[in-house]
């Protein structure tokens, strides 16, 4: 495998999400990280417009797509993984602690046996320090819980994909106030990322253009250790936990948290149709009161 994989980013403005297409330029073996399924909250309808745009690039480059990798069960967008499973036969992989997330939200949504909590909806449950092979690509899994219990980062050659654990230096880190989130765990997770070489390329899961700057999604471990405004190499655990806890108390829930989570814990599958042929998404009331 090349030591420096090619990376193409696809920014999704409606959810501020960045999807990555990662491939070996020599063999054309590829994976996708955190794809998006377009969702219209007014019409309560979905489409594959963004996924089709990525597929056009895959086909034009002649890539062989092996896996779709989820950094966690996202709370701000619906997963586009089913599209790539159907189009290319790509397996869907996620961190093995997804079972804990499934158990929590199955209870919150009052879901039935159609949503198992053993992770069997996914093709692969990934353990910390596991190496997943995708053709010539070797993907080192780094468990980075804190934002959610099941968060993982993917280290491929000289690049690491951090999901919602670590953002651009002028934005900081992911929130930790979702069920079973932990600022203490996130601090420890980022220390694992900071142990990587300083020149490691960092690709973040979201960007919000703080201060009106242009959207950006690539930095380095060295820059993050030096400049991350919430968690630099000199930030103590106590300082970060205090800041993150106080900051999270001020945040509103993500716009699509209920629509996203109940779909994403089921590997991106929409709920089955009811007896009248219509699919329904549940919106539990009072959860954040």
Foldseek 3Di string as FASTA:
>chain_A
DDLDWDWDWDADVVQQFIKIWTAHLVPLFIEIEFAFWAADVVVRDTDCVSVVVVVVVSVVSVHQYAAYEYQALDQAGFGPRVVCCVPRVHFYEFAQCLLVVQVVVCVLQVPDPVQDSRLVLGPYHDYQQDWDDGPPWTWGWHQQAALHNGGIWTDTNLEIEREQLAFPQAVAGHAQPDVPHHLLSSLVSVVVVLVDDQARKYFYGGFDCPPVHDTDGIDTSVCNQVRRPQHHVPDDSVSNRVVRVVVNVPDDRHPRRQVRNVCRSSVSDFAAADPVRHGDGDDRPPPPD
